[in-house]
Amino acid sequence: MNQDWEDRVAALWDRFDDHAETEEDEARFRADVDALVAELPEGSPHGPFEQACAWDSTGHSDKAVPLYREALELGLADVSPYKARQAKIQLASSLRNIGQAAEGVKLLEAELDAPSDELDDPVRFFLALCLSSLGRDREALSLALGALAPHMARYQRSAAYYAQALVKPGEQPGA
């Protein structure tokens, strides 16, 4: 894999919304992804990751789940920690879609302790969805509001407190 391959994958994804209007368009998109994956060396974790993304983005979470798992098992985290984090977020979302939200919660709760990056908010967003799917709406709301609080121009401290109070009533601000 090289920068040219990465650029062609990015260009394909940039065109995704233009080409995903019908099932035939979606199948053609997945075939284009498969063609790029065929260029990779055998055992590359990038292949199943991109294929999982393609299946997932075309509404087939059930086909995406084993591919995300394969990418992670092949060492995606070793070659791209960022893509591995994406894979975990997307895997958790797909697990939720196929009725396995509890597994998604486990996966994303571990990501709460990962080094901070621009994927922190998506981790919390999809974790909140998984929690809600399990009937844990108060926890989900707390998580979502807590993620929103730092982005507010004002009331950040109050918002963070109230978000935390949803799951830990009685605690004082700053406690």
N, C-alpha and C. Protein backbone atom coordinates (compact mmCIF):
# COMPACT_ATOMS: atom_id res chain seq x y z
N MET A 1 0.84 -1.18 0.00
CA MET A 1 0.00 0.00 0.00
C MET A 1 0.88 1.24 0.00
N ASN A 2 0.47 2.23 -0.76
CA ASN A 2 1.24 3.46 -0.83
C ASN A 2 0.29 4.66 -0.90
N GLN A 3 0.85 5.84 -1.01
CA GLN A 3 0.04 7.05 -1.01
C GLN A 3 -0.89 7.11 -2.23
N ASP A 4 -0.42 6.61 -3.37
CA ASP A 4 -1.27 6.59 -4.56
C ASP A 4 -2.53 5.75 -4.29
N TRP A 5 -2.35 4.58 -3.67
CA TRP A 5 -3.49 3.72 -3.35
C TRP A 5 -4.43 4.44 -2.38
N GLU A 6 -3.86 5.03 -1.35
CA GLU A 6 -4.67 5.77 -0.37
C GLU A 6 -5.44 6.91 -1.05
N ASP A 7 -4.79 7.60 -1.97
CA ASP A 7 -5.45 8.70 -2.68
C ASP A 7 -6.61 8.19 -3.53
N ARG A 8 -6.42 7.04 -4.17
CA ARG A 8 -7.49 6.48 -5.00
C ARG A 8 -8.66 6.00 -4.14
N VAL A 9 -8.36 5.45 -2.97
CA VAL A 9 -9.43 5.05 -2.05
C VAL A 9 -10.20 6.30 -1.59
N ALA A 10 -9.47 7.34 -1.21
CA ALA A 10 -10.11 8.58 -0.77
C ALA A 10 -10.98 9.18 -1.88
N ALA A 11 -10.48 9.15 -3.11
CA ALA A 11 -11.25 9.68 -4.23
C ALA A 11 -12.53 8.87 -4.45
N LEU A 12 -12.44 7.56 -4.30
CA LEU A 12 -13.62 6.71 -4.44
C LEU A 12 -14.65 7.06 -3.37
N TRP A 13 -14.21 7.23 -2.14
CA TRP A 13 -15.13 7.59 -1.06
C TRP A 13 -15.71 8.98 -1.28
N ASP A 14 -14.91 9.89 -1.84
CA ASP A 14 -15.43 11.24 -2.12
C ASP A 14 -16.59 11.20 -3.11
N ARG A 15 -16.57 10.21 -3.99
CA ARG A 15 -17.63 10.07 -5.00
C ARG A 15 -18.79 9.22 -4.51
N PHE A 16 -18.68 8.65 -3.33
CA PHE A 16 -19.69 7.70 -2.86
C PHE A 16 -21.11 8.24 -2.92
N ASP A 17 -21.33 9.43 -2.40
CA ASP A 17 -22.69 9.97 -2.37
C ASP A 17 -23.27 10.19 -3.76
N ASP A 18 -22.41 10.39 -4.72
CA ASP A 18 -22.87 10.58 -6.10
C ASP A 18 -23.26 9.26 -6.76
N HIS A 19 -22.78 8.15 -6.21
CA HIS A 19 -22.97 6.86 -6.88
C HIS A 19 -23.76 5.85 -6.07
N ALA A 20 -24.39 6.27 -5.01
CA ALA A 20 -25.06 5.29 -4.15
C ALA A 20 -26.58 5.53 -4.11
N GLU A 21 -27.17 5.70 -5.27
CA GLU A 21 -28.60 5.97 -5.32
C GLU A 21 -29.44 4.72 -5.50
N THR A 22 -28.90 3.69 -6.11
CA THR A 22 -29.64 2.46 -6.33
C THR A 22 -28.80 1.28 -5.85
N GLU A 23 -29.44 0.11 -5.76
CA GLU A 23 -28.70 -1.09 -5.36
C GLU A 23 -27.59 -1.40 -6.36
N GLU A 24 -27.85 -1.13 -7.62
CA GLU A 24 -26.82 -1.38 -8.65
C GLU A 24 -25.63 -0.43 -8.45
N ASP A 25 -25.93 0.82 -8.11
CA ASP A 25 -24.86 1.78 -7.84
C ASP A 25 -24.03 1.32 -6.64
N GLU A 26 -24.72 0.86 -5.61
CA GLU A 26 -24.03 0.40 -4.41
C GLU A 26 -23.17 -0.82 -4.71
N ALA A 27 -23.70 -1.73 -5.52
CA ALA A 27 -22.92 -2.93 -5.90
C ALA A 27 -21.69 -2.53 -6.71
N ARG A 28 -21.85 -1.57 -7.59
CA ARG A 28 -20.71 -1.09 -8.41
C ARG A 28 -19.66 -0.45 -7.51
N PHE A 29 -20.12 0.33 -6.51
CA PHE A 29 -19.20 0.96 -5.57
C PHE A 29 -18.41 -0.11 -4.81
N ARG A 30 -19.11 -1.13 -4.32
CA ARG A 30 -18.41 -2.21 -3.60
C ARG A 30 -17.43 -2.94 -4.52
N ALA A 31 -17.80 -3.10 -5.78
CA ALA A 31 -16.89 -3.75 -6.74
C ALA A 31 -15.65 -2.88 -6.96
N ASP A 32 -15.83 -1.57 -7.00
CA ASP A 32 -14.68 -0.66 -7.14
C ASP A 32 -13.76 -0.76 -5.93
N VAL A 33 -14.35 -0.87 -4.74
CA VAL A 33 -13.56 -1.06 -3.52
C VAL A 33 -12.81 -2.38 -3.60
N ASP A 34 -13.51 -3.45 -4.01
CA ASP A 34 -12.88 -4.77 -4.13
C ASP A 34 -11.70 -4.73 -5.11
N ALA A 35 -11.83 -3.97 -6.20
CA ALA A 35 -10.75 -3.87 -7.18
C ALA A 35 -9.52 -3.22 -6.55
N LEU A 36 -9.73 -2.20 -5.75
CA LEU A 36 -8.60 -1.55 -5.07
C LEU A 36 -7.99 -2.49 -4.03
N VAL A 37 -8.83 -3.19 -3.31
CA VAL A 37 -8.35 -4.13 -2.30
C VAL A 37 -7.52 -5.24 -2.95
N ALA A 38 -7.89 -5.65 -4.14
CA ALA A 38 -7.15 -6.71 -4.84
C ALA A 38 -5.71 -6.32 -5.12
N GLU A 39 -5.41 -5.04 -5.10
CA GLU A 39 -4.04 -4.57 -5.33
C GLU A 39 -3.15 -4.72 -4.08
N LEU A 40 -3.75 -4.94 -2.95
CA LEU A 40 -3.00 -5.01 -1.69
C LEU A 40 -2.34 -6.37 -1.52
N PRO A 41 -1.25 -6.41 -0.77
CA PRO A 41 -0.64 -7.71 -0.46
C PRO A 41 -1.59 -8.54 0.39
N GLU A 42 -1.50 -9.84 0.23
CA GLU A 42 -2.34 -10.74 1.02
C GLU A 42 -2.10 -10.50 2.51
N GLY A 43 -3.16 -10.48 3.28
CA GLY A 43 -3.05 -10.30 4.71
C GLY A 43 -3.04 -8.85 5.17
N SER A 44 -3.16 -7.91 4.23
CA SER A 44 -3.20 -6.50 4.62
C SER A 44 -4.51 -6.21 5.34
N PRO A 45 -4.45 -5.59 6.51
CA PRO A 45 -5.68 -5.26 7.23
C PRO A 45 -6.48 -4.15 6.56
N HIS A 46 -5.85 -3.42 5.65
CA HIS A 46 -6.57 -2.34 4.96
C HIS A 46 -7.68 -2.88 4.07
N GLY A 47 -7.47 -4.07 3.50
CA GLY A 47 -8.46 -4.64 2.60
C GLY A 47 -9.79 -4.90 3.29
N PRO A 48 -9.81 -5.73 4.33
CA PRO A 48 -11.09 -5.98 4.98
C PRO A 48 -11.69 -4.72 5.61
N PHE A 49 -10.84 -3.79 6.04
CA PHE A 49 -11.37 -2.54 6.58
C PHE A 49 -12.15 -1.78 5.52
N GLU A 50 -11.57 -1.59 4.35
CA GLU A 50 -12.25 -0.86 3.28
C GLU A 50 -13.50 -1.60 2.81
N GLN A 51 -13.42 -2.92 2.73
CA GLN A 51 -14.59 -3.70 2.33
C GLN A 51 -15.69 -3.59 3.38
N ALA A 52 -15.33 -3.64 4.64
CA ALA A 52 -16.33 -3.48 5.70
C ALA A 52 -17.01 -2.13 5.59
N CYS A 53 -16.22 -1.09 5.38
CA CYS A 53 -16.78 0.26 5.24
C CYS A 53 -17.76 0.31 4.07
N ALA A 54 -17.40 -0.33 2.97
CA ALA A 54 -18.27 -0.32 1.79
C ALA A 54 -19.58 -1.06 2.05
N TRP A 55 -19.50 -2.22 2.68
CA TRP A 55 -20.73 -2.95 3.01
C TRP A 55 -21.56 -2.15 4.00
N ASP A 56 -20.92 -1.59 5.00
CA ASP A 56 -21.60 -0.82 6.03
C ASP A 56 -22.30 0.39 5.43
N SER A 57 -21.60 1.11 4.59
CA SER A 57 -22.13 2.33 4.00
C SER A 57 -23.26 2.07 3.01
N THR A 58 -23.38 0.85 2.57
CA THR A 58 -24.46 0.51 1.64
C THR A 58 -25.56 -0.29 2.35
N GLY A 59 -25.57 -0.20 3.69
CA GLY A 59 -26.67 -0.76 4.45
C GLY A 59 -26.61 -2.23 4.79
N HIS A 60 -25.41 -2.79 4.81
CA HIS A 60 -25.26 -4.22 5.09
C HIS A 60 -24.35 -4.44 6.30
N SER A 61 -24.82 -4.01 7.45
CA SER A 61 -24.04 -4.16 8.68
C SER A 61 -23.65 -5.61 8.94
N ASP A 62 -24.54 -6.53 8.60
CA ASP A 62 -24.27 -7.94 8.86
C ASP A 62 -23.06 -8.44 8.09
N LYS A 63 -22.82 -7.92 6.91
CA LYS A 63 -21.65 -8.31 6.13
C LYS A 63 -20.40 -7.53 6.56
N ALA A 64 -20.61 -6.35 7.13
CA ALA A 64 -19.49 -5.52 7.56
C ALA A 64 -18.84 -6.04 8.84
N VAL A 65 -19.63 -6.55 9.77
CA VAL A 65 -19.11 -6.96 11.08
C VAL A 65 -17.93 -7.92 10.97
N PRO A 66 -18.04 -9.03 10.23
CA PRO A 66 -16.88 -9.94 10.19
C PRO A 66 -15.66 -9.32 9.52
N LEU A 67 -15.87 -8.40 8.60
CA LEU A 67 -14.75 -7.76 7.93
C LEU A 67 -14.04 -6.77 8.86
N TYR A 68 -14.80 -6.02 9.64
CA TYR A 68 -14.16 -5.14 10.64
C TYR A 68 -13.33 -5.98 11.61
N ARG A 69 -13.91 -7.08 12.06
CA ARG A 69 -13.18 -7.94 13.00
C ARG A 69 -11.91 -8.49 12.36
N GLU A 70 -12.00 -8.90 11.11
CA GLU A 70 -10.82 -9.41 10.41
C GLU A 70 -9.74 -8.34 10.31
N ALA A 71 -10.12 -7.13 9.96
CA ALA A 71 -9.15 -6.04 9.84
C ALA A 71 -8.43 -5.82 11.17
N LEU A 72 -9.19 -5.82 12.25
CA LEU A 72 -8.58 -5.62 13.57
C LEU A 72 -7.69 -6.80 13.95
N GLU A 73 -8.13 -8.02 13.65
CA GLU A 73 -7.32 -9.20 13.96
C GLU A 73 -6.04 -9.25 13.13
N LEU A 74 -6.08 -8.70 11.92
CA LEU A 74 -4.89 -8.68 11.06
C LEU A 74 -3.90 -7.59 11.46
N GLY A 75 -4.24 -6.79 12.48
CA GLY A 75 -3.30 -5.79 12.97
C GLY A 75 -3.49 -4.39 12.44
N LEU A 76 -4.72 -4.02 12.15
CA LEU A 76 -4.97 -2.66 11.67
C LEU A 76 -4.41 -1.62 12.63
N ALA A 77 -4.49 -1.89 13.92
CA ALA A 77 -3.98 -0.94 14.92
C ALA A 77 -2.46 -0.73 14.79
N ASP A 78 -1.76 -1.74 14.32
CA ASP A 78 -0.30 -1.63 14.17
C ASP A 78 0.08 -0.76 12.98
N VAL A 79 -0.72 -0.81 11.92
CA VAL A 79 -0.37 -0.05 10.72
C VAL A 79 -1.10 1.29 10.64
N SER A 80 -2.23 1.42 11.34
CA SER A 80 -2.96 2.68 11.35
C SER A 80 -3.86 2.75 12.58
N PRO A 81 -3.32 3.27 13.69
CA PRO A 81 -4.13 3.38 14.90
C PRO A 81 -5.41 4.19 14.67
N TYR A 82 -5.34 5.19 13.82
CA TYR A 82 -6.52 6.02 13.52
C TYR A 82 -7.60 5.19 12.83
N LYS A 83 -7.22 4.43 11.81
CA LYS A 83 -8.20 3.59 11.11
C LYS A 83 -8.72 2.48 12.02
N ALA A 84 -7.88 2.01 12.92
CA ALA A 84 -8.34 0.99 13.87
C ALA A 84 -9.42 1.57 14.77
N ARG A 85 -9.23 2.81 15.18
CA ARG A 85 -10.26 3.44 16.02
C ARG A 85 -11.54 3.65 15.21
N GLN A 86 -11.39 4.05 13.95
CA GLN A 86 -12.56 4.15 13.08
C GLN A 86 -13.26 2.80 12.98
N ALA A 87 -12.48 1.75 12.80
CA ALA A 87 -13.04 0.41 12.66
C ALA A 87 -13.82 0.02 13.91
N LYS A 88 -13.32 0.36 15.07
CA LYS A 88 -14.02 0.02 16.31
C LYS A 88 -15.33 0.79 16.44
N ILE A 89 -15.31 2.06 16.07
CA ILE A 89 -16.53 2.87 16.10
C ILE A 89 -17.56 2.29 15.14
N GLN A 90 -17.12 2.02 13.93
CA GLN A 90 -18.03 1.52 12.90
C GLN A 90 -18.50 0.10 13.22
N LEU A 91 -17.62 -0.71 13.78
CA LEU A 91 -18.01 -2.06 14.19
C LEU A 91 -19.09 -1.98 15.27
N ALA A 92 -18.89 -1.11 16.25
CA ALA A 92 -19.89 -0.96 17.32
C ALA A 92 -21.23 -0.52 16.76
N SER A 93 -21.22 0.41 15.83
CA SER A 93 -22.46 0.85 15.20
C SER A 93 -23.13 -0.29 14.45
N SER A 94 -22.34 -1.06 13.71
CA SER A 94 -22.88 -2.20 12.97
C SER A 94 -23.43 -3.26 13.91
N LEU A 95 -22.71 -3.51 15.01
CA LEU A 95 -23.20 -4.47 16.00
C LEU A 95 -24.55 -4.03 16.55
N ARG A 96 -24.68 -2.76 16.81
CA ARG A 96 -25.97 -2.22 17.28
C ARG A 96 -27.05 -2.47 16.24
N ASN A 97 -26.71 -2.24 14.98
CA ASN A 97 -27.69 -2.41 13.90
C ASN A 97 -28.17 -3.85 13.77
N ILE A 98 -27.34 -4.80 14.17
CA ILE A 98 -27.73 -6.21 14.04
C ILE A 98 -28.17 -6.80 15.39
N GLY A 99 -28.45 -5.93 16.34
CA GLY A 99 -29.00 -6.38 17.62
C GLY A 99 -27.99 -6.81 18.65
N GLN A 100 -26.74 -6.40 18.51
CA GLN A 100 -25.69 -6.77 19.46
C GLN A 100 -25.08 -5.53 20.11
N ALA A 101 -25.98 -4.64 20.58
CA ALA A 101 -25.54 -3.38 21.16
C ALA A 101 -24.64 -3.55 22.37
N ALA A 102 -24.86 -4.60 23.16
CA ALA A 102 -24.02 -4.80 24.35
C ALA A 102 -22.56 -4.97 23.98
N GLU A 103 -22.30 -5.68 22.89
CA GLU A 103 -20.92 -5.84 22.43
C GLU A 103 -20.36 -4.49 21.95
N GLY A 104 -21.22 -3.70 21.32
CA GLY A 104 -20.81 -2.35 20.89
C GLY A 104 -20.44 -1.48 22.08
N VAL A 105 -21.20 -1.59 23.16
CA VAL A 105 -20.90 -0.82 24.38
C VAL A 105 -19.51 -1.20 24.90
N LYS A 106 -19.24 -2.49 24.99
CA LYS A 106 -17.92 -2.94 25.48
C LYS A 106 -16.79 -2.37 24.64
N LEU A 107 -16.98 -2.45 23.35
CA LEU A 107 -15.95 -1.98 22.41
C LEU A 107 -15.68 -0.49 22.59
N LEU A 108 -16.75 0.29 22.71
CA LEU A 108 -16.59 1.75 22.77
C LEU A 108 -16.24 2.25 24.17
N GLU A 109 -16.67 1.55 25.19
CA GLU A 109 -16.25 1.96 26.54
C GLU A 109 -14.74 1.88 26.66
N ALA A 110 -14.13 0.88 26.04
CA ALA A 110 -12.66 0.78 26.05
C ALA A 110 -12.03 1.97 25.32
N GLU A 111 -12.72 2.46 24.30
CA GLU A 111 -12.19 3.60 23.53
C GLU A 111 -12.25 4.91 24.30
N LEU A 112 -13.05 4.97 25.35
CA LEU A 112 -13.10 6.19 26.17
C LEU A 112 -11.76 6.47 26.83
N ASP A 113 -10.96 5.43 27.04
CA ASP A 113 -9.65 5.57 27.67
C ASP A 113 -8.50 5.67 26.66
N ALA A 114 -8.84 5.63 25.37
CA ALA A 114 -7.80 5.71 24.34
C ALA A 114 -7.25 7.13 24.27
N PRO A 115 -6.04 7.29 23.72
CA PRO A 115 -5.52 8.65 23.55
C PRO A 115 -6.52 9.51 22.78
N SER A 116 -6.66 10.73 23.24
CA SER A 116 -7.65 11.65 22.67
C SER A 116 -7.29 12.05 21.24
N ASP A 117 -8.32 12.10 20.39
CA ASP A 117 -8.15 12.60 19.02
C ASP A 117 -9.51 13.09 18.52
N GLU A 118 -9.58 13.39 17.26
CA GLU A 118 -10.82 13.94 16.70
C GLU A 118 -11.96 12.92 16.66
N LEU A 119 -11.68 11.68 17.00
CA LEU A 119 -12.73 10.66 17.03
C LEU A 119 -13.37 10.50 18.41
N ASP A 120 -12.97 11.30 19.38
CA ASP A 120 -13.55 11.21 20.72
C ASP A 120 -15.07 11.40 20.69
N ASP A 121 -15.53 12.43 19.99
CA ASP A 121 -16.97 12.69 19.94
C ASP A 121 -17.72 11.58 19.20
N PRO A 122 -17.23 11.09 18.06
CA PRO A 122 -17.92 9.94 17.46
C PRO A 122 -17.97 8.72 18.38
N VAL A 123 -16.92 8.48 19.15
CA VAL A 123 -16.96 7.37 20.11
C VAL A 123 -18.14 7.56 21.05
N ARG A 124 -18.26 8.75 21.60
CA ARG A 124 -19.34 9.02 22.55
C ARG A 124 -20.72 8.98 21.88
N PHE A 125 -20.80 9.48 20.67
CA PHE A 125 -22.07 9.47 19.93
C PHE A 125 -22.57 8.04 19.73
N PHE A 126 -21.70 7.18 19.20
CA PHE A 126 -22.13 5.81 18.92
C PHE A 126 -22.28 4.99 20.20
N LEU A 127 -21.51 5.30 21.23
CA LEU A 127 -21.71 4.65 22.51
C LEU A 127 -23.08 5.03 23.07
N ALA A 128 -23.45 6.30 22.94
CA ALA A 128 -24.78 6.74 23.40
C ALA A 128 -25.88 5.98 22.66
N LEU A 129 -25.73 5.79 21.36
CA LEU A 129 -26.72 5.03 20.60
C LEU A 129 -26.81 3.59 21.09
N CYS A 130 -25.66 2.97 21.32
CA CYS A 130 -25.65 1.59 21.82
C CYS A 130 -26.32 1.51 23.19
N LEU A 131 -26.00 2.44 24.07
CA LEU A 131 -26.61 2.45 25.40
C LEU A 131 -28.12 2.61 25.29
N SER A 132 -28.56 3.50 24.44
CA SER A 132 -29.99 3.72 24.27
C SER A 132 -30.67 2.46 23.74
N SER A 133 -30.02 1.76 22.84
CA SER A 133 -30.59 0.52 22.31
C SER A 133 -30.76 -0.54 23.40
N LEU A 134 -29.99 -0.40 24.46
CA LEU A 134 -30.10 -1.34 25.59
C LEU A 134 -31.04 -0.82 26.67
N GLY A 135 -31.73 0.29 26.39
CA GLY A 135 -32.65 0.85 27.37
C GLY A 135 -31.96 1.68 28.43
N ARG A 136 -30.72 2.02 28.22
CA ARG A 136 -29.95 2.80 29.18
C ARG A 136 -29.91 4.26 28.73
N ASP A 137 -31.12 4.82 28.56
CA ASP A 137 -31.26 6.16 27.97
C ASP A 137 -30.65 7.27 28.82
N ARG A 138 -30.75 7.15 30.12
CA ARG A 138 -30.19 8.19 30.99
C ARG A 138 -28.67 8.26 30.84
N GLU A 139 -28.02 7.10 30.78
CA GLU A 139 -26.58 7.06 30.56
C GLU A 139 -26.24 7.62 29.18
N ALA A 140 -27.04 7.26 28.20
CA ALA A 140 -26.81 7.74 26.84
C ALA A 140 -26.92 9.25 26.77
N LEU A 141 -27.95 9.79 27.39
CA LEU A 141 -28.14 11.25 27.39
C LEU A 141 -26.99 11.93 28.11
N SER A 142 -26.58 11.37 29.24
CA SER A 142 -25.45 11.93 29.99
C SER A 142 -24.20 11.98 29.13
N LEU A 143 -23.94 10.90 28.44
CA LEU A 143 -22.75 10.82 27.58
C LEU A 143 -22.82 11.83 26.44
N ALA A 144 -23.99 11.91 25.79
CA ALA A 144 -24.14 12.84 24.67
C ALA A 144 -24.02 14.29 25.12
N LEU A 145 -24.67 14.62 26.23
CA LEU A 145 -24.59 16.00 26.73
C LEU A 145 -23.18 16.33 27.21
N GLY A 146 -22.53 15.36 27.83
CA GLY A 146 -21.15 15.57 28.27
C GLY A 146 -20.21 15.82 27.10
N ALA A 147 -20.47 15.14 25.97
CA ALA A 147 -19.65 15.35 24.78
C ALA A 147 -19.93 16.71 24.16
N LEU A 148 -21.16 17.16 24.27
CA LEU A 148 -21.54 18.46 23.70
C LEU A 148 -21.00 19.63 24.53
N ALA A 149 -20.93 19.46 25.84
CA ALA A 149 -20.58 20.55 26.75
C ALA A 149 -19.31 21.31 26.35
N PRO A 150 -18.20 20.66 26.03
CA PRO A 150 -16.98 21.41 25.70
C PRO A 150 -17.10 22.27 24.43
N HIS A 151 -18.09 22.00 23.62
CA HIS A 151 -18.25 22.74 22.37
C HIS A 151 -19.11 23.99 22.53
N MET A 152 -19.66 24.17 23.71
CA MET A 152 -20.54 25.31 23.95
C MET A 152 -19.71 26.56 24.22
N ALA A 153 -20.16 27.68 23.69
CA ALA A 153 -19.45 28.95 23.89
C ALA A 153 -19.57 29.42 25.33
N ARG A 154 -20.66 29.09 25.98
CA ARG A 154 -20.90 29.47 27.37
C ARG A 154 -21.47 28.25 28.10
N TYR A 155 -21.47 28.30 29.38
CA TYR A 155 -22.11 27.30 30.24
C TYR A 155 -21.42 25.94 30.21
N GLN A 156 -20.18 25.88 29.82
CA GLN A 156 -19.50 24.59 29.72
C GLN A 156 -19.48 23.86 31.06
N ARG A 157 -19.12 24.56 32.11
CA ARG A 157 -19.02 23.91 33.42
C ARG A 157 -20.38 23.43 33.89
N SER A 158 -21.40 24.27 33.76
CA SER A 158 -22.75 23.87 34.19
C SER A 158 -23.24 22.70 33.36
N ALA A 159 -23.03 22.77 32.06
CA ALA A 159 -23.50 21.70 31.17
C ALA A 159 -22.82 20.38 31.53
N ALA A 160 -21.52 20.42 31.78
CA ALA A 160 -20.80 19.21 32.14
C ALA A 160 -21.32 18.65 33.47
N TYR A 161 -21.58 19.54 34.42
CA TYR A 161 -22.13 19.10 35.72
C TYR A 161 -23.49 18.43 35.54
N TYR A 162 -24.37 19.08 34.83
CA TYR A 162 -25.72 18.53 34.66
C TYR A 162 -25.69 17.21 33.89
N ALA A 163 -24.81 17.11 32.93
CA ALA A 163 -24.67 15.84 32.20
C ALA A 163 -24.24 14.74 33.15
N GLN A 164 -23.27 15.02 34.01
CA GLN A 164 -22.79 14.02 34.97
C GLN A 164 -23.85 13.70 36.01
N ALA A 165 -24.63 14.71 36.41
CA ALA A 165 -25.66 14.51 37.43
C ALA A 165 -26.77 13.56 36.97
N LEU A 166 -26.91 13.39 35.67
CA LEU A 166 -27.92 12.45 35.17
C LEU A 166 -27.63 11.02 35.60
N VAL A 167 -26.37 10.70 35.77
CA VAL A 167 -26.01 9.33 36.17
C VAL A 167 -25.44 9.26 37.58
N LYS A 168 -25.04 10.40 38.14
CA LYS A 168 -24.52 10.44 39.50
C LYS A 168 -25.20 11.55 40.26
N PRO A 169 -26.51 11.39 40.55
CA PRO A 169 -27.25 12.47 41.23
C PRO A 169 -26.64 12.77 42.61
N GLY A 170 -26.72 14.03 42.96
CA GLY A 170 -26.25 14.43 44.28
C GLY A 170 -24.82 14.88 44.34
N GLU A 171 -24.02 14.58 43.32
CA GLU A 171 -22.63 15.05 43.32
C GLU A 171 -22.62 16.54 43.03
N GLN A 172 -21.74 17.23 43.70
CA GLN A 172 -21.62 18.67 43.53
C GLN A 172 -20.70 19.00 42.35
N PRO A 173 -20.91 20.15 41.71
CA PRO A 173 -20.02 20.54 40.62
C PRO A 173 -18.57 20.52 41.07
N GLY A 174 -17.72 19.99 40.22
CA GLY A 174 -16.29 19.95 40.51
C GLY A 174 -15.89 18.78 41.38
N ALA A 175 -16.85 18.01 41.85
CA ALA A 175 -16.54 16.88 42.75
C ALA A 175 -15.91 15.75 41.98
